[in-house]
Amino acid sequence: MSDDNNQRKLDVTSTAIERGIDVAKGFIDRLVLPSAEELGLLIKDQISFWRFNNQVRILNKARELCEKNNVSVKAIPPKLLYPYLEHASLEDDDELQDKWAILLVNMVDSRQNIQNHVFPYILSQLSSDEFKILESALIEKDRRVSELEEELSYFLENRPAIENRLKSEFDEINEKLQSFSLDGKQVYSAEAMELRSLVRSKEREIRSLEQKEFVLRRKIAAPESIPEKNIEEFEVANIIRLGLAKVVYEANAGTHSIEVPIDDRDSSYASVDFDIEIDTDTSTILTELGELFIDACREKNA
């Protein structure tokens, strides 16, 4: 008996759901022309045509770039081309369509070896603003590195001459200082004290030459920070999710004070109390993947 009741309830429920669907469908049919079934087919056709138009537009842009830059085109694997066309077909932003075209040109350029299957997916996940932020960061890094490499080249070329000049100045000052010595004893006149200060200064300059090359090379290799004022929090989260940027933490030790007790009658040694302040700074930097991706979407001159 209970099984029959359950079956009746199920039939009633199913009928009610079907009736609700029919009522909703009828209402939709009254709101739009043509009917829902025809509209579904129409929308599907329109979307397909819209995606096809995007593909054609991007492919033509890529063809024009190949002709402009005399690119020798090579075939690329279908497993790379197919997802590229799928993702590119959904792009309707003119500026990003240009990036899609450039990416394809760089992938088919026989002079390059870009076979990264993830780049089309990454580009499909970025807004125009997010791409511009990453591109600006890479442009700034290129500018900074170019200046530093020029400075390093100049330093390496002129280091021997600079070092000889500093050593000559050091010897000259030190010789003057020796003339102030009496029987091997130092003289503490104002002029002698000034000469000693100059000797120490030249010694520091000579030692700094040994560190300058290391410092410059370290600056050249340093990653590029993305200015936080130019990017929203959700944009940061997205580019980090895609592996194009990452957050790094830097600990900086602040000044500290040391207190040494003067009265040591109760102890044979002095106890020292000190406070150290450590601040942690965070910054968002462009990753190696981010640099490679943005570079793959930049036009290469012929």
C-alpha atoms as a PDB file:
ATOM      1  CA  MET A   1       0.000   0.000   0.000  1.00  0.00           C
ATOM      2  CA  SER A   2       2.816   2.380   0.928  1.00  0.00           C
ATOM      3  CA  ASP A   3       4.585   1.638  -2.393  1.00  0.00           C
ATOM      4  CA  ASP A   4       1.458   2.676  -4.306  1.00  0.00           C
ATOM      5  CA  ASN A   5       1.280   5.931  -2.311  1.00  0.00           C
ATOM      6  CA  ASN A   6       4.919   6.686  -2.990  1.00  0.00           C
ATOM      7  CA  GLN A   7       4.447   6.012  -6.692  1.00  0.00           C
ATOM      8  CA  ARG A   8       1.405   8.346  -6.788  1.00  0.00           C
ATOM      9  CA  LYS A   9       3.410  11.090  -5.028  1.00  0.00           C
ATOM     10  CA  LEU A  10       6.238  10.634  -7.521  1.00  0.00           C
ATOM     11  CA  ASP A  11       3.853  10.816 -10.474  1.00  0.00           C
ATOM     12  CA  VAL A  12       2.192  13.931  -9.061  1.00  0.00           C
ATOM     13  CA  THR A  13       5.572  15.586  -8.426  1.00  0.00           C
ATOM     14  CA  SER A  14       6.839  14.754 -11.920  1.00  0.00           C
ATOM     15  CA  THR A  15       3.671  16.083 -13.460  1.00  0.00           C
ATOM     16  CA  ALA A  16       3.938  19.297 -11.450  1.00  0.00           C
ATOM     17  CA  ILE A  17       7.550  19.812 -12.546  1.00  0.00           C
ATOM     18  CA  GLU A  18       6.689  19.195 -16.196  1.00  0.00           C
ATOM     19  CA  ARG A  19       3.738  21.574 -15.927  1.00  0.00           C
ATOM     20  CA  GLY A  20       6.033  24.205 -14.401  1.00  0.00           C
ATOM     21  CA  ILE A  21       8.511  23.812 -17.248  1.00  0.00           C
ATOM     22  CA  ASP A  22       5.729  24.111 -19.836  1.00  0.00           C
ATOM     23  CA  VAL A  23       4.376  27.255 -18.166  1.00  0.00           C
ATOM     24  CA  ALA A  24       7.854  28.833 -18.047  1.00  0.00           C
ATOM     25  CA  LYS A  25       8.507  27.888 -21.661  1.00  0.00           C
ATOM     26  CA  GLY A  26       5.159  29.341 -22.724  1.00  0.00           C
ATOM     27  CA  PHE A  27       5.975  32.577 -20.944  1.00  0.00           C
ATOM     28  CA  ILE A  28       9.358  32.778 -22.690  1.00  0.00           C
ATOM     29  CA  ASP A  29       7.699  32.112 -26.047  1.00  0.00           C
ATOM     30  CA  ARG A  30       5.435  35.120 -25.411  1.00  0.00           C
ATOM     31  CA  LEU A  31       8.412  37.336 -24.600  1.00  0.00           C
ATOM     32  CA  VAL A  32      10.627  36.541 -27.581  1.00  0.00           C
ATOM     33  CA  LEU A  33      10.224  35.865 -31.230  1.00  0.00           C
ATOM     34  CA  PRO A  34      11.050  33.392 -32.645  1.00  0.00           C
ATOM     35  CA  SER A  35      10.176  30.647 -30.165  1.00  0.00           C
ATOM     36  CA  ALA A  36      12.598  29.301 -27.535  1.00  0.00           C
ATOM     37  CA  GLU A  37      13.659  26.334 -29.684  1.00  0.00           C
ATOM     38  CA  GLU A  38      14.357  28.529 -32.688  1.00  0.00           C
ATOM     39  CA  LEU A  39      16.030  31.131 -30.490  1.00  0.00           C
ATOM     40  CA  GLY A  40      18.383  28.512 -29.096  1.00  0.00           C
ATOM     41  CA  LEU A  41      19.481  27.521 -32.586  1.00  0.00           C
ATOM     42  CA  LEU A  42      19.746  31.161 -33.612  1.00  0.00           C
ATOM     43  CA  ILE A  43      21.944  32.058 -30.632  1.00  0.00           C
ATOM     44  CA  LYS A  44      24.149  29.037 -31.295  1.00  0.00           C
ATOM     45  CA  ASP A  45      24.593  30.071 -34.917  1.00  0.00           C
ATOM     46  CA  GLN A  46      25.270  33.681 -33.962  1.00  0.00           C
ATOM     47  CA  ILE A  47      27.874  32.700 -31.389  1.00  0.00           C
ATOM     48  CA  SER A  48      29.563  30.371 -33.855  1.00  0.00           C
ATOM     49  CA  PHE A  49      29.620  33.106 -36.476  1.00  0.00           C
ATOM     50  CA  TRP A  50      30.906  35.658 -33.916  1.00  0.00           C
ATOM     51  CA  ARG A  51      33.729  33.327 -32.850  1.00  0.00           C
ATOM     52  CA  PHE A  52      34.542  32.576 -36.482  1.00  0.00           C
ATOM     53  CA  ASN A  53      34.771  36.301 -37.251  1.00  0.00           C
ATOM     54  CA  ASN A  54      37.155  36.781 -34.324  1.00  0.00           C
ATOM     55  CA  GLN A  55      39.363  33.965 -35.592  1.00  0.00           C
ATOM     56  CA  VAL A  56      39.420  35.428 -39.107  1.00  0.00           C
ATOM     57  CA  ARG A  57      40.227  38.919 -37.801  1.00  0.00           C
ATOM     58  CA  ILE A  58      43.111  37.645 -35.645  1.00  0.00           C
ATOM     59  CA  LEU A  59      44.493  35.367 -38.368  1.00  0.00           C
ATOM     60  CA  ASN A  60      44.495  38.238 -40.859  1.00  0.00           C
ATOM     61  CA  LYS A  61      46.325  40.446 -38.358  1.00  0.00           C
ATOM     62  CA  ALA A  62      48.882  37.671 -37.898  1.00  0.00           C
ATOM     63  CA  ARG A  63      49.293  37.310 -41.672  1.00  0.00           C
ATOM     64  CA  GLU A  64      49.894  41.059 -42.053  1.00  0.00           C
ATOM     65  CA  LEU A  65      52.522  40.981 -39.292  1.00  0.00           C
ATOM     66  CA  CYS A  66      54.292  38.045 -40.953  1.00  0.00           C
ATOM     67  CA  GLU A  67      54.445  39.980 -44.231  1.00  0.00           C
ATOM     68  CA  LYS A  68      55.527  43.199 -42.485  1.00  0.00           C
ATOM     69  CA  ASN A  69      58.386  41.539 -40.583  1.00  0.00           C
ATOM     70  CA  ASN A  70      59.375  39.028 -43.294  1.00  0.00           C
ATOM     71  CA  VAL A  71      58.641  36.103 -40.996  1.00  0.00           C
ATOM     72  CA  SER A  72      59.575  32.696 -42.353  1.00  0.00           C
ATOM     73  CA  VAL A  73      56.542  30.660 -41.280  1.00  0.00           C
ATOM     74  CA  LYS A  74      56.918  27.156 -39.885  1.00  0.00           C
ATOM     75  CA  ALA A  75      54.191  24.607 -39.153  1.00  0.00           C
ATOM     76  CA  ILE A  76      53.160  24.149 -35.530  1.00  0.00           C
ATOM     77  CA  PRO A  77      51.572  21.041 -33.963  1.00  0.00           C
ATOM     78  CA  PRO A  78      47.751  20.802 -34.062  1.00  0.00           C
ATOM     79  CA  LYS A  79      47.695  20.346 -30.261  1.00  0.00           C
ATOM     80  CA  LEU A  80      49.161  23.862 -30.057  1.00  0.00           C
ATOM     81  CA  LEU A  81      47.187  25.490 -32.870  1.00  0.00           C
ATOM     82  CA  TYR A  82      43.765  24.064 -31.929  1.00  0.00           C
ATOM     83  CA  PRO A  83      43.621  25.435 -28.345  1.00  0.00           C
ATOM     84  CA  TYR A  84      45.041  28.714 -29.659  1.00  0.00           C
ATOM     85  CA  LEU A  85      42.157  29.085 -32.135  1.00  0.00           C
ATOM     86  CA  GLU A  86      39.595  28.008 -29.514  1.00  0.00           C
ATOM     87  CA  HIS A  87      40.724  30.584 -26.981  1.00  0.00           C
ATOM     88  CA  ALA A  88      41.360  33.338 -29.539  1.00  0.00           C
ATOM     89  CA  SER A  89      37.853  33.007 -30.962  1.00  0.00           C
ATOM     90  CA  LEU A  90      36.383  34.305 -27.682  1.00  0.00           C
ATOM     91  CA  GLU A  91      38.445  37.509 -27.671  1.00  0.00           C
ATOM     92  CA  ASP A  92      36.585  40.654 -28.708  1.00  0.00           C
ATOM     93  CA  ASP A  93      38.955  43.295 -27.271  1.00  0.00           C
ATOM     94  CA  ASP A  94      40.809  44.965 -30.154  1.00  0.00           C
ATOM     95  CA  GLU A  95      44.043  45.486 -28.213  1.00  0.00           C
ATOM     96  CA  LEU A  96      44.110  41.901 -26.958  1.00  0.00           C
ATOM     97  CA  GLN A  97      43.316  40.633 -30.448  1.00  0.00           C
ATOM     98  CA  ASP A  98      46.554  42.326 -31.506  1.00  0.00           C
ATOM     99  CA  LYS A  99      48.361  40.378 -28.767  1.00  0.00           C
ATOM    100  CA  TRP A 100      46.767  37.142 -29.955  1.00  0.00           C
ATOM    101  CA  ALA A 101      47.997  37.864 -33.480  1.00  0.00           C
ATOM    102  CA  ILE A 102      51.528  38.652 -32.248  1.00  0.00           C
ATOM    103  CA  LEU A 103      51.583  35.479 -30.154  1.00  0.00           C
ATOM    104  CA  LEU A 104      50.703  33.386 -33.202  1.00  0.00           C
ATOM    105  CA  VAL A 105      53.347  35.125 -35.323  1.00  0.00           C
ATOM    106  CA  ASN A 106      56.006  34.399 -32.714  1.00  0.00           C
ATOM    107  CA  MET A 107      54.885  30.767 -32.464  1.00  0.00           C
ATOM    108  CA  VAL A 108      55.124  30.203 -36.227  1.00  0.00           C
ATOM    109  CA  ASP A 109      58.336  32.226 -36.673  1.00  0.00           C
ATOM    110  CA  SER A 110      61.048  29.768 -37.712  1.00  0.00           C
ATOM    111  CA  ARG A 111      63.689  31.997 -36.080  1.00  0.00           C
ATOM    112  CA  GLN A 112      62.119  31.425 -32.677  1.00  0.00           C
ATOM    113  CA  ASN A 113      61.351  28.316 -30.681  1.00  0.00           C
ATOM    114  CA  ILE A 114      58.130  29.158 -28.841  1.00  0.00           C
ATOM    115  CA  GLN A 115      56.221  25.912 -28.297  1.00  0.00           C
ATOM    116  CA  ASN A 116      54.596  26.727 -24.953  1.00  0.00           C
ATOM    117  CA  HIS A 117      51.113  25.212 -24.801  1.00  0.00           C
ATOM    118  CA  VAL A 118      50.055  27.263 -21.780  1.00  0.00           C
ATOM    119  CA  PHE A 119      50.489  30.720 -23.341  1.00  0.00           C
ATOM    120  CA  PRO A 120      47.129  30.715 -25.222  1.00  0.00           C
ATOM    121  CA  TYR A 121      45.338  29.702 -22.023  1.00  0.00           C
ATOM    122  CA  ILE A 122      47.092  32.430 -20.011  1.00  0.00           C
ATOM    123  CA  LEU A 123      46.226  35.101 -22.571  1.00  0.00           C
ATOM    124  CA  SER A 124      42.581  34.006 -22.518  1.00  0.00           C
ATOM    125  CA  GLN A 125      42.508  34.574 -18.740  1.00  0.00           C
ATOM    126  CA  LEU A 126      43.801  38.160 -18.754  1.00  0.00           C
ATOM    127  CA  SER A 127      41.972  41.440 -19.094  1.00  0.00           C
ATOM    128  CA  SER A 128      43.416  44.255 -21.159  1.00  0.00           C
ATOM    129  CA  ASP A 129      44.332  46.190 -17.993  1.00  0.00           C
ATOM    130  CA  GLU A 130      46.094  43.196 -16.448  1.00  0.00           C
ATOM    131  CA  PHE A 131      48.117  42.636 -19.608  1.00  0.00           C
ATOM    132  CA  LYS A 132      49.133  46.317 -19.736  1.00  0.00           C
ATOM    133  CA  ILE A 133      50.313  46.181 -16.113  1.00  0.00           C
ATOM    134  CA  LEU A 134      52.522  43.162 -16.816  1.00  0.00           C
ATOM    135  CA  GLU A 135      53.790  44.620 -20.071  1.00  0.00           C
ATOM    136  CA  SER A 136      54.667  47.928 -18.367  1.00  0.00           C
ATOM    137  CA  ALA A 137      56.619  46.037 -15.699  1.00  0.00           C
ATOM    138  CA  LEU A 138      58.649  44.191 -18.343  1.00  0.00           C
ATOM    139  CA  ILE A 139      59.276  47.413 -20.290  1.00  0.00           C
ATOM    140  CA  GLU A 140      60.551  49.052 -17.085  1.00  0.00           C
ATOM    141  CA  LYS A 141      62.811  46.070 -16.404  1.00  0.00           C
ATOM    142  CA  ASP A 142      64.232  46.246 -19.925  1.00  0.00           C
ATOM    143  CA  ARG A 143      64.965  49.956 -19.437  1.00  0.00           C
ATOM    144  CA  ARG A 144      66.565  49.416 -16.021  1.00  0.00           C
ATOM    145  CA  VAL A 145      68.676  46.454 -17.147  1.00  0.00           C
ATOM    146  CA  SER A 146      69.828  48.314 -20.256  1.00  0.00           C
ATOM    147  CA  GLU A 147      71.063  51.245 -18.155  1.00  0.00           C
ATOM    148  CA  LEU A 148      72.768  48.957 -15.629  1.00  0.00           C
ATOM    149  CA  GLU A 149      74.477  46.892 -18.338  1.00  0.00           C
ATOM    150  CA  GLU A 150      75.754  50.085 -19.924  1.00  0.00           C
ATOM    151  CA  GLU A 151      77.082  51.218 -16.535  1.00  0.00           C
ATOM    152  CA  LEU A 152      78.704  47.814 -15.936  1.00  0.00           C
ATOM    153  CA  SER A 153      80.331  47.822 -19.359  1.00  0.00           C
ATOM    154  CA  TYR A 154      81.730  51.310 -18.774  1.00  0.00           C
ATOM    155  CA  PHE A 155      83.007  50.292 -15.333  1.00  0.00           C
ATOM    156  CA  LEU A 156      84.749  47.123 -16.568  1.00  0.00           C
ATOM    157  CA  GLU A 157      86.356  49.020 -19.415  1.00  0.00           C
ATOM    158  CA  ASN A 158      87.625  51.836 -17.188  1.00  0.00           C
ATOM    159  CA  ARG A 159      88.287  49.967 -13.953  1.00  0.00           C
ATOM    160  CA  PRO A 160      92.073  49.559 -14.466  1.00  0.00           C
ATOM    161  CA  ALA A 161      92.494  53.293 -15.106  1.00  0.00           C
ATOM    162  CA  ILE A 162      90.253  54.218 -12.151  1.00  0.00           C
ATOM    163  CA  GLU A 163      92.099  51.824  -9.876  1.00  0.00           C
ATOM    164  CA  ASN A 164      95.512  53.179 -10.925  1.00  0.00           C
ATOM    165  CA  ARG A 165      94.356  56.753 -10.373  1.00  0.00           C
ATOM    166  CA  LEU A 166      93.039  55.989  -6.877  1.00  0.00           C
ATOM    167  CA  LYS A 167      96.211  54.142  -5.895  1.00  0.00           C
ATOM    168  CA  SER A 168      98.332  57.011  -7.186  1.00  0.00           C
ATOM    169  CA  GLU A 169      96.287  59.520  -5.167  1.00  0.00           C
ATOM    170  CA  PHE A 170      96.547  57.249  -2.129  1.00  0.00           C
ATOM    171  CA  ASP A 171     100.337  57.008  -2.412  1.00  0.00           C
ATOM    172  CA  GLU A 172     100.645  60.768  -2.828  1.00  0.00           C
ATOM    173  CA  ILE A 173      98.519  61.533   0.245  1.00  0.00           C
ATOM    174  CA  ASN A 174     100.228  58.842   2.288  1.00  0.00           C
ATOM    175  CA  GLU A 175     103.640  60.257   1.362  1.00  0.00           C
ATOM    176  CA  LYS A 176     102.593  63.689   2.595  1.00  0.00           C
ATOM    177  CA  LEU A 177     101.333  62.127   5.792  1.00  0.00           C
ATOM    178  CA  GLN A 178     104.663  60.383   6.394  1.00  0.00           C
ATOM    179  CA  SER A 179     106.404  63.733   6.284  1.00  0.00           C
ATOM    180  CA  PHE A 180     104.508  64.716   9.436  1.00  0.00           C
ATOM    181  CA  SER A 181     105.951  61.809  11.408  1.00  0.00           C
ATOM    182  CA  LEU A 182     108.736  62.613  13.844  1.00  0.00           C
ATOM    183  CA  ASP A 183     111.054  59.740  14.671  1.00  0.00           C
ATOM    184  CA  GLY A 184     108.312  57.277  13.718  1.00  0.00           C
ATOM    185  CA  LYS A 185     105.749  58.966  15.941  1.00  0.00           C
ATOM    186  CA  GLN A 186     102.503  60.331  14.571  1.00  0.00           C
ATOM    187  CA  VAL A 187     101.815  64.052  14.726  1.00  0.00           C
ATOM    188  CA  TYR A 188      98.259  65.086  15.563  1.00  0.00           C
ATOM    189  CA  SER A 189      98.160  68.508  13.943  1.00  0.00           C
ATOM    190  CA  ALA A 190      95.030  69.602  12.070  1.00  0.00           C
ATOM    191  CA  GLU A 191      96.658  69.098   8.673  1.00  0.00           C
ATOM    192  CA  ALA A 192      97.939  65.642   9.626  1.00  0.00           C
ATOM    193  CA  MET A 193      94.489  64.625  10.838  1.00  0.00           C
ATOM    194  CA  GLU A 194      92.966  65.794   7.552  1.00  0.00           C
ATOM    195  CA  LEU A 195      95.513  63.769   5.582  1.00  0.00           C
ATOM    196  CA  ARG A 196      94.721  60.640   7.620  1.00  0.00           C
ATOM    197  CA  SER A 197      91.044  61.159   6.841  1.00  0.00           C
ATOM    198  CA  LEU A 198      91.851  61.396   3.124  1.00  0.00           C
ATOM    199  CA  VAL A 199      93.924  58.200   3.304  1.00  0.00           C
ATOM    200  CA  ARG A 200      91.021  56.312   4.861  1.00  0.00           C
ATOM    201  CA  SER A 201      88.681  57.742   2.224  1.00  0.00           C
ATOM    202  CA  LYS A 202      90.912  56.547  -0.641  1.00  0.00           C
ATOM    203  CA  GLU A 203      91.193  53.122   0.969  1.00  0.00           C
ATOM    204  CA  ARG A 204      87.388  52.878   1.031  1.00  0.00           C
ATOM    205  CA  GLU A 205      87.155  53.926  -2.632  1.00  0.00           C
ATOM    206  CA  ILE A 206      89.690  51.270  -3.644  1.00  0.00           C
ATOM    207  CA  ARG A 207      87.811  48.576  -1.686  1.00  0.00           C
ATOM    208  CA  SER A 208      84.503  49.691  -3.199  1.00  0.00           C
ATOM    209  CA  LEU A 209      85.837  48.905  -6.680  1.00  0.00           C
ATOM    210  CA  GLU A 210      85.996  45.258  -5.689  1.00  0.00           C
ATOM    211  CA  GLN A 211      82.297  45.280  -4.774  1.00  0.00           C
ATOM    212  CA  LYS A 212      80.911  47.453  -7.565  1.00  0.00           C
ATOM    213  CA  GLU A 213      80.869  44.746 -10.242  1.00  0.00           C
ATOM    214  CA  PHE A 214      79.114  42.337  -7.877  1.00  0.00           C
ATOM    215  CA  VAL A 215      76.529  44.984  -6.917  1.00  0.00           C
ATOM    216  CA  LEU A 216      75.789  45.900 -10.538  1.00  0.00           C
ATOM    217  CA  ARG A 217      75.391  42.281 -11.624  1.00  0.00           C
ATOM    218  CA  ARG A 218      73.083  41.649  -8.684  1.00  0.00           C
ATOM    219  CA  LYS A 219      70.910  44.638  -9.648  1.00  0.00           C
ATOM    220  CA  ILE A 220      70.756  43.412 -13.247  1.00  0.00           C
ATOM    221  CA  ALA A 221      69.543  39.983 -12.112  1.00  0.00           C
ATOM    222  CA  ALA A 222      66.978  41.416  -9.688  1.00  0.00           C
ATOM    223  CA  PRO A 223      63.298  40.732 -10.563  1.00  0.00           C
ATOM    224  CA  GLU A 224      60.995  43.607 -11.457  1.00  0.00           C
ATOM    225  CA  SER A 225      58.445  44.787  -8.904  1.00  0.00           C
ATOM    226  CA  ILE A 226      54.902  45.602  -9.988  1.00  0.00           C
ATOM    227  CA  PRO A 227      53.820  48.981  -8.521  1.00  0.00           C
ATOM    228  CA  GLU A 228      50.878  48.349  -6.194  1.00  0.00           C
ATOM    229  CA  LYS A 229      49.317  51.729  -6.952  1.00  0.00           C
ATOM    230  CA  ASN A 230      48.697  50.658 -10.558  1.00  0.00           C
ATOM    231  CA  ILE A 231      46.850  47.414  -9.843  1.00  0.00           C
ATOM    232  CA  GLU A 232      43.725  46.304  -8.014  1.00  0.00           C
ATOM    233  CA  GLU A 233      43.738  43.489  -5.479  1.00  0.00           C
ATOM    234  CA  PHE A 234      41.655  41.153  -7.653  1.00  0.00           C
ATOM    235  CA  GLU A 235      44.028  41.772 -10.565  1.00  0.00           C
ATOM    236  CA  VAL A 236      46.990  40.841  -8.364  1.00  0.00           C
ATOM    237  CA  ALA A 237      45.191  37.656  -7.326  1.00  0.00           C
ATOM    238  CA  ASN A 238      44.556  36.707 -10.953  1.00  0.00           C
ATOM    239  CA  ILE A 239      48.085  37.201 -12.250  1.00  0.00           C
ATOM    240  CA  ILE A 240      49.452  35.336  -9.218  1.00  0.00           C
ATOM    241  CA  ARG A 241      46.991  32.501  -9.904  1.00  0.00           C
ATOM    242  CA  LEU A 242      48.356  32.268 -13.437  1.00  0.00           C
ATOM    243  CA  GLY A 243      51.950  32.167 -12.187  1.00  0.00           C
ATOM    244  CA  LEU A 244      52.864  35.463 -13.877  1.00  0.00           C
ATOM    245  CA  ALA A 245      53.732  37.174 -10.602  1.00  0.00           C
ATOM    246  CA  LYS A 246      54.424  36.221  -7.005  1.00  0.00           C
ATOM    247  CA  VAL A 247      54.611  37.883  -3.612  1.00  0.00           C
ATOM    248  CA  VAL A 248      58.002  38.009  -1.914  1.00  0.00           C
ATOM    249  CA  TYR A 249      58.729  38.890   1.692  1.00  0.00           C
ATOM    250  CA  GLU A 250      61.704  40.922   2.853  1.00  0.00           C
ATOM    251  CA  ALA A 251      62.725  41.307   6.502  1.00  0.00           C
ATOM    252  CA  ASN A 252      64.459  44.536   7.475  1.00  0.00           C
ATOM    253  CA  ALA A 253      66.140  44.961  10.861  1.00  0.00           C
ATOM    254  CA  GLY A 254      65.565  48.352  12.407  1.00  0.00           C
ATOM    255  CA  THR A 255      67.732  50.325  14.793  1.00  0.00           C
ATOM    256  CA  HIS A 256      68.244  48.913  18.250  1.00  0.00           C
ATOM    257  CA  SER A 257      69.373  50.290  21.576  1.00  0.00           C
ATOM    258  CA  ILE A 258      71.853  48.726  24.002  1.00  0.00           C
ATOM    259  CA  GLU A 259      71.816  49.414  27.706  1.00  0.00           C
ATOM    260  CA  VAL A 260      74.969  48.532  29.704  1.00  0.00           C
ATOM    261  CA  PRO A 261      74.653  48.732  33.497  1.00  0.00           C
ATOM    262  CA  ILE A 262      77.400  50.792  35.094  1.00  0.00           C
ATOM    263  CA  ASP A 263      77.173  49.230  38.557  1.00  0.00           C
ATOM    264  CA  ASP A 264      78.669  45.735  38.403  1.00  0.00           C
ATOM    265  CA  ARG A 265      79.237  45.163  42.123  1.00  0.00           C
ATOM    266  CA  ASP A 266      76.942  42.126  42.118  1.00  0.00           C
ATOM    267  CA  SER A 267      78.494  40.558  39.054  1.00  0.00           C
ATOM    268  CA  SER A 268      81.900  40.093  37.559  1.00  0.00           C
ATOM    269  CA  TYR A 269      80.576  40.750  34.073  1.00  0.00           C
ATOM    270  CA  ALA A 270      78.253  43.276  32.489  1.00  0.00           C
ATOM    271  CA  SER A 271      74.826  42.209  31.283  1.00  0.00           C
ATOM    272  CA  VAL A 272      73.459  43.721  28.068  1.00  0.00           C
ATOM    273  CA  ASP A 273      69.797  44.251  27.221  1.00  0.00           C
ATOM    274  CA  PHE A 274      68.943  45.166  23.637  1.00  0.00           C
ATOM    275  CA  ASP A 275      65.841  45.557  21.488  1.00  0.00           C
ATOM    276  CA  ILE A 276      65.691  44.713  17.791  1.00  0.00           C
ATOM    277  CA  GLU A 277      62.852  45.891  15.551  1.00  0.00           C
ATOM    278  CA  ILE A 278      62.251  43.800  12.458  1.00  0.00           C
ATOM    279  CA  ASP A 279      59.843  44.952   9.749  1.00  0.00           C
ATOM    280  CA  THR A 280      58.541  42.649   7.051  1.00  0.00           C
ATOM    281  CA  ASP A 281      57.852  44.201   3.649  1.00  0.00           C
ATOM    282  CA  THR A 282      56.026  42.497   0.803  1.00  0.00           C
ATOM    283  CA  SER A 283      56.227  43.181  -2.893  1.00  0.00           C
ATOM    284  CA  THR A 284      54.729  41.631  -5.995  1.00  0.00           C
ATOM    285  CA  ILE A 285      57.326  40.732  -8.607  1.00  0.00           C
ATOM    286  CA  LEU A 286      57.190  39.521 -12.177  1.00  0.00           C
ATOM    287  CA  THR A 287      58.098  35.824 -12.440  1.00  0.00           C
ATOM    288  CA  GLU A 288      60.250  34.239 -15.137  1.00  0.00           C
ATOM    289  CA  LEU A 289      57.078  32.741 -16.647  1.00  0.00           C
ATOM    290  CA  GLY A 290      55.523  36.208 -16.660  1.00  0.00           C
ATOM    291  CA  GLU A 291      58.508  37.652 -18.504  1.00  0.00           C
ATOM    292  CA  LEU A 292      58.546  34.833 -21.075  1.00  0.00           C
ATOM    293  CA  PHE A 293      54.804  35.134 -21.652  1.00  0.00           C
ATOM    294  CA  ILE A 294      54.759  38.905 -22.134  1.00  0.00           C
ATOM    295  CA  ASP A 295      57.804  38.697 -24.394  1.00  0.00           C
ATOM    296  CA  ALA A 296      56.005  36.052 -26.501  1.00  0.00           C
ATOM    297  CA  CYS A 297      53.175  38.562 -26.995  1.00  0.00           C
ATOM    298  CA  ARG A 298      55.459  41.401 -28.106  1.00  0.00           C
ATOM    299  CA  GLU A 299      56.171  42.174 -31.737  1.00  0.00           C
ATOM    300  CA  LYS A 300      59.698  41.386 -32.871  1.00  0.00           C
ATOM    301  CA  ASN A 301      61.159  43.742 -35.464  1.00  0.00           C
ATOM    302  CA  ALA A 302      62.459  42.299 -38.694  1.00  0.00           C
END
